[in-house]
Amino acid sequence: MTNNETCCHKTKKRSQEEHKRLVNRLSRVEGQIRGIKKMVEEDAYCIDILIQVAAANAALNSFNKELLAEHIRTCVADDIKNGREETIEELVATLQKLMK
């Protein structure tokens, strides 16, 4: 089976530590989003909501940075070592999407 045949079904086995770190970060973001929703429901002041949205965005950006760094260290490095140069183009396309 070639890489192209499995490209739509890629997965990544994460260490227990990495999995826990990422899930914990997402749980914090989820809590922030619930808090923002509650603020809207309770008619909180706009500026207070905007500040919380900025904090949630920063938390998601931190999650992205951690996930991207781990992806480069593992998936990208392994693919390059194994001659799968198309991974570089995938990474470039991903970075372009993240930088919009």
PDB file of N, CA and C in Angstrom:
ATOM      1  N   MET A   1       0.843  -1.172   0.000  1.00  0.00           N
ATOM      2  CA  MET A   1       0.000   0.000   0.000  1.00  0.00           C
ATOM      3  C   MET A   1       0.889   1.236   0.000  1.00  0.00           C
ATOM      4  N   THR A   2       0.617   2.175  -0.893  1.00  0.00           N
ATOM      5  CA  THR A   2       1.435   3.375  -0.975  1.00  0.00           C
ATOM      6  C   THR A   2       0.926   4.434  -0.020  1.00  0.00           C
ATOM      7  N   ASN A   3       1.756   5.442   0.185  1.00  0.00           N
ATOM      8  CA  ASN A   3       1.378   6.540   1.065  1.00  0.00           C
ATOM      9  C   ASN A   3       0.120   7.246   0.557  1.00  0.00           C
ATOM     10  N   ASN A   4      -0.009   7.369  -0.781  1.00  0.00           N
ATOM     11  CA  ASN A   4      -1.184   8.031  -1.347  1.00  0.00           C
ATOM     12  C   ASN A   4      -2.469   7.281  -1.018  1.00  0.00           C
ATOM     13  N   GLU A   5      -2.390   5.976  -0.921  1.00  0.00           N
ATOM     14  CA  GLU A   5      -3.584   5.194  -0.624  1.00  0.00           C
ATOM     15  C   GLU A   5      -4.030   5.381   0.823  1.00  0.00           C
ATOM     16  N   THR A   6      -3.113   5.763   1.684  1.00  0.00           N
ATOM     17  CA  THR A   6      -3.466   5.922   3.088  1.00  0.00           C
ATOM     18  C   THR A   6      -3.539   7.381   3.514  1.00  0.00           C
ATOM     19  N   CYS A   7      -3.338   8.306   2.575  1.00  0.00           N
ATOM     20  CA  CYS A   7      -3.218   9.716   2.952  1.00  0.00           C
ATOM     21  C   CYS A   7      -4.464  10.266   3.634  1.00  0.00           C
ATOM     22  N   CYS A   8      -5.602   9.778   3.304  1.00  0.00           N
ATOM     23  CA  CYS A   8      -6.829  10.300   3.907  1.00  0.00           C
ATOM     24  C   CYS A   8      -7.112   9.653   5.256  1.00  0.00           C
ATOM     25  N   HIS A   9      -6.293   8.710   5.667  1.00  0.00           N
ATOM     26  CA  HIS A   9      -6.511   7.996   6.910  1.00  0.00           C
ATOM     27  C   HIS A   9      -5.288   8.042   7.810  1.00  0.00           C
ATOM     28  N   LYS A  10      -4.528   9.123   7.731  1.00  0.00           N
ATOM     29  CA  LYS A  10      -3.335   9.250   8.551  1.00  0.00           C
ATOM     30  C   LYS A  10      -3.718   9.360  10.018  1.00  0.00           C
ATOM     31  N   THR A  11      -2.936   8.726  10.851  1.00  0.00           N
ATOM     32  CA  THR A  11      -3.098   8.840  12.293  1.00  0.00           C
ATOM     33  C   THR A  11      -1.726   9.005  12.906  1.00  0.00           C
ATOM     34  N   LYS A  12      -1.701   9.353  14.161  1.00  0.00           N
ATOM     35  CA  LYS A  12      -0.434   9.512  14.878  1.00  0.00           C
ATOM     36  C   LYS A  12      -0.592   8.898  16.255  1.00  0.00           C
ATOM     37  N   LYS A  13       0.242   7.937  16.554  1.00  0.00           N
ATOM     38  CA  LYS A  13       0.257   7.347  17.889  1.00  0.00           C
ATOM     39  C   LYS A  13       1.067   8.279  18.786  1.00  0.00           C
ATOM     40  N   ARG A  14       0.408   8.835  19.798  1.00  0.00           N
ATOM     41  CA  ARG A  14       1.060   9.769  20.709  1.00  0.00           C
ATOM     42  C   ARG A  14       1.425   9.063  22.004  1.00  0.00           C
ATOM     43  N   SER A  15       2.496   9.538  22.609  1.00  0.00           N
ATOM     44  CA  SER A  15       2.856   9.011  23.921  1.00  0.00           C
ATOM     45  C   SER A  15       1.767   9.405  24.906  1.00  0.00           C
ATOM     46  N   GLN A  16       1.718   8.694  26.009  1.00  0.00           N
ATOM     47  CA  GLN A  16       0.721   8.993  27.040  1.00  0.00           C
ATOM     48  C   GLN A  16       0.919  10.416  27.560  1.00  0.00           C
ATOM     49  N   GLU A  17       2.166  10.826  27.696  1.00  0.00           N
ATOM     50  CA  GLU A  17       2.477  12.179  28.186  1.00  0.00           C
ATOM     51  C   GLU A  17       2.008  13.251  27.198  1.00  0.00           C
ATOM     52  N   GLU A  18       2.307  13.055  25.902  1.00  0.00           N
ATOM     53  CA  GLU A  18       1.885  14.030  24.897  1.00  0.00           C
ATOM     54  C   GLU A  18       0.361  14.099  24.834  1.00  0.00           C
ATOM     55  N   HIS A  19      -0.277  12.950  24.826  1.00  0.00           N
ATOM     56  CA  HIS A  19      -1.740  12.881  24.783  1.00  0.00           C
ATOM     57  C   HIS A  19      -2.341  13.659  25.956  1.00  0.00           C
ATOM     58  N   LYS A  20      -1.821  13.429  27.143  1.00  0.00           N
ATOM     59  CA  LYS A  20      -2.334  14.093  28.347  1.00  0.00           C
ATOM     60  C   LYS A  20      -2.140  15.605  28.256  1.00  0.00           C
ATOM     61  N   ARG A  21      -0.954  16.037  27.805  1.00  0.00           N
ATOM     62  CA  ARG A  21      -0.663  17.467  27.677  1.00  0.00           C
ATOM     63  C   ARG A  21      -1.639  18.148  26.719  1.00  0.00           C
ATOM     64  N   LEU A  22      -1.850  17.525  25.552  1.00  0.00           N
ATOM     65  CA  LEU A  22      -2.721  18.126  24.541  1.00  0.00           C
ATOM     66  C   LEU A  22      -4.173  18.155  25.007  1.00  0.00           C
ATOM     67  N   VAL A  23      -4.635  17.056  25.587  1.00  0.00           N
ATOM     68  CA  VAL A  23      -6.018  17.002  26.072  1.00  0.00           C
ATOM     69  C   VAL A  23      -6.227  18.016  27.192  1.00  0.00           C
ATOM     70  N   ASN A  24      -5.250  18.162  28.078  1.00  0.00           N
ATOM     71  CA  ASN A  24      -5.367  19.148  29.163  1.00  0.00           C
ATOM     72  C   ASN A  24      -5.474  20.567  28.610  1.00  0.00           C
ATOM     73  N   ARG A  25      -4.663  20.877  27.600  1.00  0.00           N
ATOM     74  CA  ARG A  25      -4.731  22.206  26.984  1.00  0.00           C
ATOM     75  C   ARG A  25      -6.110  22.439  26.374  1.00  0.00           C
ATOM     76  N   LEU A  26      -6.615  21.437  25.669  1.00  0.00           N
ATOM     77  CA  LEU A  26      -7.926  21.578  25.037  1.00  0.00           C
ATOM     78  C   LEU A  26      -9.042  21.684  26.081  1.00  0.00           C
ATOM     79  N   SER A  27      -8.902  20.993  27.172  1.00  0.00           N
ATOM     80  CA  SER A  27      -9.902  21.091  28.240  1.00  0.00           C
ATOM     81  C   SER A  27      -9.944  22.497  28.822  1.00  0.00           C
ATOM     82  N   ARG A  28      -8.761  23.118  28.956  1.00  0.00           N
ATOM     83  CA  ARG A  28      -8.727  24.495  29.454  1.00  0.00           C
ATOM     84  C   ARG A  28      -9.404  25.438  28.460  1.00  0.00           C
ATOM     85  N   VAL A  29      -9.129  25.247  27.175  1.00  0.00           N
ATOM     86  CA  VAL A  29      -9.766  26.078  26.146  1.00  0.00           C
ATOM     87  C   VAL A  29     -11.278  25.871  26.173  1.00  0.00           C
ATOM     88  N   GLU A  30     -11.687  24.620  26.289  1.00  0.00           N
ATOM     89  CA  GLU A  30     -13.112  24.311  26.356  1.00  0.00           C
ATOM     90  C   GLU A  30     -13.765  25.032  27.540  1.00  0.00           C
ATOM     91  N   GLY A  31     -13.095  25.042  28.671  1.00  0.00           N
ATOM     92  CA  GLY A  31     -13.601  25.757  29.840  1.00  0.00           C
ATOM     93  C   GLY A  31     -13.698  27.257  29.586  1.00  0.00           C
ATOM     94  N   GLN A  32     -12.700  27.800  28.895  1.00  0.00           N
ATOM     95  CA  GLN A  32     -12.737  29.226  28.577  1.00  0.00           C
ATOM     96  C   GLN A  32     -13.926  29.545  27.662  1.00  0.00           C
ATOM     97  N   ILE A  33     -14.165  28.697  26.685  1.00  0.00           N
ATOM     98  CA  ILE A  33     -15.282  28.911  25.756  1.00  0.00           C
ATOM     99  C   ILE A  33     -16.615  28.839  26.493  1.00  0.00           C
ATOM    100  N   ARG A  34     -16.747  27.867  27.395  1.00  0.00           N
ATOM    101  CA  ARG A  34     -17.975  27.784  28.199  1.00  0.00           C
ATOM    102  C   ARG A  34     -18.157  29.052  29.042  1.00  0.00           C
ATOM    103  N   GLY A  35     -17.043  29.560  29.576  1.00  0.00           N
ATOM    104  CA  GLY A  35     -17.097  30.793  30.352  1.00  0.00           C
ATOM    105  C   GLY A  35     -17.531  31.976  29.510  1.00  0.00           C
ATOM    106  N   ILE A  36     -17.041  32.053  28.283  1.00  0.00           N
ATOM    107  CA  ILE A  36     -17.428  33.128  27.374  1.00  0.00           C
ATOM    108  C   ILE A  36     -18.917  33.026  27.048  1.00  0.00           C
ATOM    109  N   LYS A  37     -19.375  31.823  26.790  1.00  0.00           N
ATOM    110  CA  LYS A  37     -20.802  31.614  26.503  1.00  0.00           C
ATOM    111  C   LYS A  37     -21.655  32.088  27.679  1.00  0.00           C
ATOM    112  N   LYS A  38     -21.226  31.744  28.883  1.00  0.00           N
ATOM    113  CA  LYS A  38     -21.965  32.149  30.082  1.00  0.00           C
ATOM    114  C   LYS A  38     -21.967  33.671  30.207  1.00  0.00           C
ATOM    115  N   MET A  39     -20.829  34.302  29.889  1.00  0.00           N
ATOM    116  CA  MET A  39     -20.762  35.758  29.948  1.00  0.00           C
ATOM    117  C   MET A  39     -21.775  36.385  28.997  1.00  0.00           C
ATOM    118  N   VAL A  40     -21.898  35.839  27.793  1.00  0.00           N
ATOM    119  CA  VAL A  40     -22.858  36.361  26.821  1.00  0.00           C
ATOM    120  C   VAL A  40     -24.275  36.152  27.338  1.00  0.00           C
ATOM    121  N   GLU A  41     -24.530  34.952  27.855  1.00  0.00           N
ATOM    122  CA  GLU A  41     -25.868  34.644  28.382  1.00  0.00           C
ATOM    123  C   GLU A  41     -26.243  35.563  29.538  1.00  0.00           C
ATOM    124  N   GLU A  42     -25.250  35.986  30.296  1.00  0.00           N
ATOM    125  CA  GLU A  42     -25.499  36.846  31.463  1.00  0.00           C
ATOM    126  C   GLU A  42     -25.317  38.333  31.151  1.00  0.00           C
ATOM    127  N   ASP A  43     -25.229  38.647  29.849  1.00  0.00           N
ATOM    128  CA  ASP A  43     -25.119  40.041  29.396  1.00  0.00           C
ATOM    129  C   ASP A  43     -23.919  40.771  29.992  1.00  0.00           C
ATOM    130  N   ALA A  44     -22.787  40.092  30.029  1.00  0.00           N
ATOM    131  CA  ALA A  44     -21.560  40.724  30.530  1.00  0.00           C
ATOM    132  C   ALA A  44     -21.142  41.865  29.602  1.00  0.00           C
ATOM    133  N   TYR A  45     -20.341  42.737  30.126  1.00  0.00           N
ATOM    134  CA  TYR A  45     -19.840  43.891  29.383  1.00  0.00           C
ATOM    135  C   TYR A  45     -18.978  43.422  28.201  1.00  0.00           C
ATOM    136  N   CYS A  46     -19.178  44.076  27.049  1.00  0.00           N
ATOM    137  CA  CYS A  46     -18.510  43.660  25.802  1.00  0.00           C
ATOM    138  C   CYS A  46     -16.994  43.532  25.951  1.00  0.00           C
ATOM    139  N   ILE A  47     -16.371  44.508  26.572  1.00  0.00           N
ATOM    140  CA  ILE A  47     -14.916  44.516  26.710  1.00  0.00           C
ATOM    141  C   ILE A  47     -14.452  43.306  27.517  1.00  0.00           C
ATOM    142  N   ASP A  48     -15.186  42.970  28.560  1.00  0.00           N
ATOM    143  CA  ASP A  48     -14.831  41.801  29.373  1.00  0.00           C
ATOM    144  C   ASP A  48     -14.896  40.521  28.548  1.00  0.00           C
ATOM    145  N   ILE A  49     -15.904  40.420  27.700  1.00  0.00           N
ATOM    146  CA  ILE A  49     -16.033  39.242  26.825  1.00  0.00           C
ATOM    147  C   ILE A  49     -14.883  39.211  25.826  1.00  0.00           C
ATOM    148  N   LEU A  50     -14.586  40.352  25.214  1.00  0.00           N
ATOM    149  CA  LEU A  50     -13.506  40.416  24.232  1.00  0.00           C
ATOM    150  C   LEU A  50     -12.167  40.010  24.840  1.00  0.00           C
ATOM    151  N   ILE A  51     -11.929  40.405  26.052  1.00  0.00           N
ATOM    152  CA  ILE A  51     -10.680  40.033  26.725  1.00  0.00           C
ATOM    153  C   ILE A  51     -10.618  38.520  26.927  1.00  0.00           C
ATOM    154  N   GLN A  52     -11.736  37.929  27.288  1.00  0.00           N
ATOM    155  CA  GLN A  52     -11.762  36.467  27.464  1.00  0.00           C
ATOM    156  C   GLN A  52     -11.609  35.731  26.129  1.00  0.00           C
ATOM    157  N   VAL A  53     -12.182  36.289  25.070  1.00  0.00           N
ATOM    158  CA  VAL A  53     -12.012  35.697  23.734  1.00  0.00           C
ATOM    159  C   VAL A  53     -10.542  35.754  23.324  1.00  0.00           C
ATOM    160  N   ALA A  54      -9.878  36.869  23.608  1.00  0.00           N
ATOM    161  CA  ALA A  54      -8.454  36.987  23.293  1.00  0.00           C
ATOM    162  C   ALA A  54      -7.645  35.936  24.058  1.00  0.00           C
ATOM    163  N   ALA A  55      -8.011  35.702  25.314  1.00  0.00           N
ATOM    164  CA  ALA A  55      -7.317  34.686  26.110  1.00  0.00           C
ATOM    165  C   ALA A  55      -7.542  33.291  25.527  1.00  0.00           C
ATOM    166  N   ALA A  56      -8.765  33.015  25.075  1.00  0.00           N
ATOM    167  CA  ALA A  56      -9.053  31.710  24.464  1.00  0.00           C
ATOM    168  C   ALA A  56      -8.276  31.547  23.154  1.00  0.00           C
ATOM    169  N   ASN A  57      -8.201  32.607  22.361  1.00  0.00           N
ATOM    170  CA  ASN A  57      -7.413  32.558  21.123  1.00  0.00           C
ATOM    171  C   ASN A  57      -5.938  32.289  21.423  1.00  0.00           C
ATOM    172  N   ALA A  58      -5.414  32.936  22.436  1.00  0.00           N
ATOM    173  CA  ALA A  58      -4.017  32.724  22.821  1.00  0.00           C
ATOM    174  C   ALA A  58      -3.794  31.283  23.262  1.00  0.00           C
ATOM    175  N   ALA A  59      -4.756  30.723  23.991  1.00  0.00           N
ATOM    176  CA  ALA A  59      -4.635  29.336  24.434  1.00  0.00           C
ATOM    177  C   ALA A  59      -4.668  28.377  23.239  1.00  0.00           C
ATOM    178  N   LEU A  60      -5.531  28.645  22.267  1.00  0.00           N
ATOM    179  CA  LEU A  60      -5.560  27.805  21.057  1.00  0.00           C
ATOM    180  C   LEU A  60      -4.258  27.941  20.262  1.00  0.00           C
ATOM    181  N   ASN A  61      -3.720  29.162  20.195  1.00  0.00           N
ATOM    182  CA  ASN A  61      -2.444  29.351  19.501  1.00  0.00           C
ATOM    183  C   ASN A  61      -1.329  28.579  20.194  1.00  0.00           C
ATOM    184  N   SER A  62      -1.329  28.558  21.512  1.00  0.00           N
ATOM    185  CA  SER A  62      -0.329  27.788  22.254  1.00  0.00           C
ATOM    186  C   SER A  62      -0.475  26.297  21.970  1.00  0.00           C
ATOM    187  N   PHE A  63      -1.707  25.835  21.908  1.00  0.00           N
ATOM    188  CA  PHE A  63      -1.967  24.432  21.552  1.00  0.00           C
ATOM    189  C   PHE A  63      -1.393  24.141  20.166  1.00  0.00           C
ATOM    190  N   ASN A  64      -1.686  25.013  19.195  1.00  0.00           N
ATOM    191  CA  ASN A  64      -1.180  24.822  17.830  1.00  0.00           C
ATOM    192  C   ASN A  64       0.338  24.776  17.795  1.00  0.00           C
ATOM    193  N   LYS A  65       0.982  25.671  18.531  1.00  0.00           N
ATOM    194  CA  LYS A  65       2.446  25.703  18.550  1.00  0.00           C
ATOM    195  C   LYS A  65       3.014  24.393  19.084  1.00  0.00           C
ATOM    196  N   GLU A  66       2.444  23.898  20.160  1.00  0.00           N
ATOM    197  CA  GLU A  66       2.927  22.653  20.753  1.00  0.00           C
ATOM    198  C   GLU A  66       2.702  21.476  19.801  1.00  0.00           C
ATOM    199  N   LEU A  67       1.508  21.408  19.216  1.00  0.00           N
ATOM    200  CA  LEU A  67       1.198  20.308  18.294  1.00  0.00           C
ATOM    201  C   LEU A  67       2.073  20.375  17.052  1.00  0.00           C
ATOM    202  N   LEU A  68       2.264  21.564  16.501  1.00  0.00           N
ATOM    203  CA  LEU A  68       3.102  21.725  15.309  1.00  0.00           C
ATOM    204  C   LEU A  68       4.552  21.342  15.598  1.00  0.00           C
ATOM    205  N   ALA A  69       5.082  21.778  16.721  1.00  0.00           N
ATOM    206  CA  ALA A  69       6.463  21.437  17.073  1.00  0.00           C
ATOM    207  C   ALA A  69       6.642  19.927  17.172  1.00  0.00           C
ATOM    208  N   GLU A  70       5.699  19.271  17.824  1.00  0.00           N
ATOM    209  CA  GLU A  70       5.785  17.810  17.957  1.00  0.00           C
ATOM    210  C   GLU A  70       5.636  17.135  16.603  1.00  0.00           C
ATOM    211  N   HIS A  71       4.769  17.665  15.754  1.00  0.00           N
ATOM    212  CA  HIS A  71       4.589  17.114  14.404  1.00  0.00           C
ATOM    213  C   HIS A  71       5.897  17.193  13.612  1.00  0.00           C
ATOM    214  N   ILE A  72       6.572  18.332  13.695  1.00  0.00           N
ATOM    215  CA  ILE A  72       7.835  18.495  12.966  1.00  0.00           C
ATOM    216  C   ILE A  72       8.895  17.540  13.519  1.00  0.00           C
ATOM    217  N   ARG A  73       8.990  17.448  14.840  1.00  0.00           N
ATOM    218  CA  ARG A  73       9.997  16.580  15.466  1.00  0.00           C
ATOM    219  C   ARG A  73       9.778  15.099  15.153  1.00  0.00           C
ATOM    220  N   THR A  74       8.541  14.706  14.962  1.00  0.00           N
ATOM    221  CA  THR A  74       8.252  13.275  14.784  1.00  0.00           C
ATOM    222  C   THR A  74       7.835  12.960  13.347  1.00  0.00           C
ATOM    223  N   CYS A  75       6.625  13.305  12.984  1.00  0.00           N
ATOM    224  CA  CYS A  75       6.069  12.921  11.677  1.00  0.00           C
ATOM    225  C   CYS A  75       6.916  13.430  10.511  1.00  0.00           C
ATOM    226  N   VAL A  76       7.212  14.724  10.523  1.00  0.00           N
ATOM    227  CA  VAL A  76       7.965  15.309   9.403  1.00  0.00           C
ATOM    228  C   VAL A  76       9.367  14.736   9.353  1.00  0.00           C
ATOM    229  N   ALA A  77      10.050  14.708  10.488  1.00  0.00           N
ATOM    230  CA  ALA A  77      11.419  14.175  10.517  1.00  0.00           C
ATOM    231  C   ALA A  77      11.456  12.716  10.061  1.00  0.00           C
ATOM    232  N   ASP A  78      10.525  11.904  10.549  1.00  0.00           N
ATOM    233  CA  ASP A  78      10.482  10.490  10.153  1.00  0.00           C
ATOM    234  C   ASP A  78      10.209  10.335   8.664  1.00  0.00           C
ATOM    235  N   ASP A  79       9.261  11.110   8.139  1.00  0.00           N
ATOM    236  CA  ASP A  79       8.945  11.011   6.712  1.00  0.00           C
ATOM    237  C   ASP A  79      10.132  11.402   5.847  1.00  0.00           C
ATOM    238  N   ILE A  80      10.840  12.458   6.224  1.00  0.00           N
ATOM    239  CA  ILE A  80      12.008  12.882   5.448  1.00  0.00           C
ATOM    240  C   ILE A  80      13.082  11.801   5.490  1.00  0.00           C
ATOM    241  N   LYS A  81      13.331  11.233   6.670  1.00  0.00           N
ATOM    242  CA  LYS A  81      14.310  10.150   6.794  1.00  0.00           C
ATOM    243  C   LYS A  81      13.944   8.961   5.922  1.00  0.00           C
ATOM    244  N   ASN A  82      12.637   8.746   5.728  1.00  0.00           N
ATOM    245  CA  ASN A  82      12.161   7.612   4.933  1.00  0.00           C
ATOM    246  C   ASN A  82      11.902   7.985   3.474  1.00  0.00           C
ATOM    247  N   GLY A  83      12.378   9.153   3.055  1.00  0.00           N
ATOM    248  CA  GLY A  83      12.303   9.545   1.656  1.00  0.00           C
ATOM    249  C   GLY A  83      10.955  10.089   1.201  1.00  0.00           C
ATOM    250  N   ARG A  84      10.068  10.398   2.111  1.00  0.00           N
ATOM    251  CA  ARG A  84       8.758  10.927   1.734  1.00  0.00           C
ATOM    252  C   ARG A  84       8.818  12.460   1.746  1.00  0.00           C
ATOM    253  N   GLU A  85       9.404  13.000   0.707  1.00  0.00           N
ATOM    254  CA  GLU A  85       9.627  14.446   0.601  1.00  0.00           C
ATOM    255  C   GLU A  85       8.322  15.232   0.471  1.00  0.00           C
ATOM    256  N   GLU A  86       7.221  14.582   0.057  1.00  0.00           N
ATOM    257  CA  GLU A  86       5.949  15.296  -0.084  1.00  0.00           C
ATOM    258  C   GLU A  86       5.458  15.864   1.254  1.00  0.00           C
ATOM    259  N   THR A  87       5.988  15.332   2.334  1.00  0.00           N
ATOM    260  CA  THR A  87       5.634  15.834   3.662  1.00  0.00           C
ATOM    261  C   THR A  87       6.048  17.289   3.826  1.00  0.00           C
ATOM    262  N   ILE A  88       7.116  17.686   3.170  1.00  0.00           N
ATOM    263  CA  ILE A  88       7.562  19.081   3.241  1.00  0.00           C
ATOM    264  C   ILE A  88       6.501  19.992   2.634  1.00  0.00           C
ATOM    265  N   GLU A  89       5.961  19.596   1.483  1.00  0.00           N
ATOM    266  CA  GLU A  89       4.908  20.402   0.852  1.00  0.00           C
ATOM    267  C   GLU A  89       3.653  20.454   1.720  1.00  0.00           C
ATOM    268  N   GLU A  90       3.337  19.343   2.365  1.00  0.00           N
ATOM    269  CA  GLU A  90       2.192  19.310   3.277  1.00  0.00           C
ATOM    270  C   GLU A  90       2.416  20.289   4.431  1.00  0.00           C
ATOM    271  N   LEU A  91       3.627  20.303   4.968  1.00  0.00           N
ATOM    272  CA  LEU A  91       3.961  21.210   6.066  1.00  0.00           C
ATOM    273  C   LEU A  91       3.886  22.660   5.614  1.00  0.00           C
ATOM    274  N   VAL A  92       4.427  22.964   4.438  1.00  0.00           N
ATOM    275  CA  VAL A  92       4.380  24.328   3.914  1.00  0.00           C
ATOM    276  C   VAL A  92       2.929  24.782   3.743  1.00  0.00           C
ATOM    277  N   ALA A  93       2.090  23.933   3.174  1.00  0.00           N
ATOM    278  CA  ALA A  93       0.672  24.270   2.977  1.00  0.00           C
ATOM    279  C   ALA A  93      -0.012  24.501   4.324  1.00  0.00           C
ATOM    280  N   THR A  94       0.318  23.688   5.303  1.00  0.00           N
ATOM    281  CA  THR A  94      -0.267  23.840   6.637  1.00  0.00           C
ATOM    282  C   THR A  94       0.168  25.160   7.264  1.00  0.00           C
ATOM    283  N   LEU A  95       1.442  25.482   7.166  1.00  0.00           N
ATOM    284  CA  LEU A  95       1.945  26.740   7.728  1.00  0.00           C
ATOM    285  C   LEU A  95       1.279  27.934   7.065  1.00  0.00           C
ATOM    286  N   GLN A  96       1.060  27.854   5.754  1.00  0.00           N
ATOM    287  CA  GLN A  96       0.390  28.950   5.049  1.00  0.00           C
ATOM    288  C   GLN A  96      -1.035  29.126   5.562  1.00  0.00           C
ATOM    289  N   LYS A  97      -1.728  28.030   5.838  1.00  0.00           N
ATOM    290  CA  LYS A  97      -3.088  28.115   6.374  1.00  0.00           C
ATOM    291  C   LYS A  97      -3.084  28.706   7.786  1.00  0.00           C
ATOM    292  N   LEU A  98      -2.096  28.313   8.584  1.00  0.00           N
ATOM    293  CA  LEU A  98      -2.028  28.803   9.966  1.00  0.00           C
ATOM    294  C   LEU A  98      -1.677  30.283  10.039  1.00  0.00           C
ATOM    295  N   MET A  99      -1.003  30.796   9.020  1.00  0.00           N
ATOM    296  CA  MET A  99      -0.552  32.185   9.047  1.00  0.00           C
ATOM    297  C   MET A  99      -1.516  33.162   8.390  1.00  0.00           C
ATOM    298  N   LYS A 100      -2.698  32.713   8.042  1.00  0.00           N
ATOM    299  CA  LYS A 100      -3.683  33.617   7.419  1.00  0.00           C
ATOM    300  C   LYS A 100      -4.143  34.644   8.411  1.00  0.00           C
TER     301      LYS A 100
END
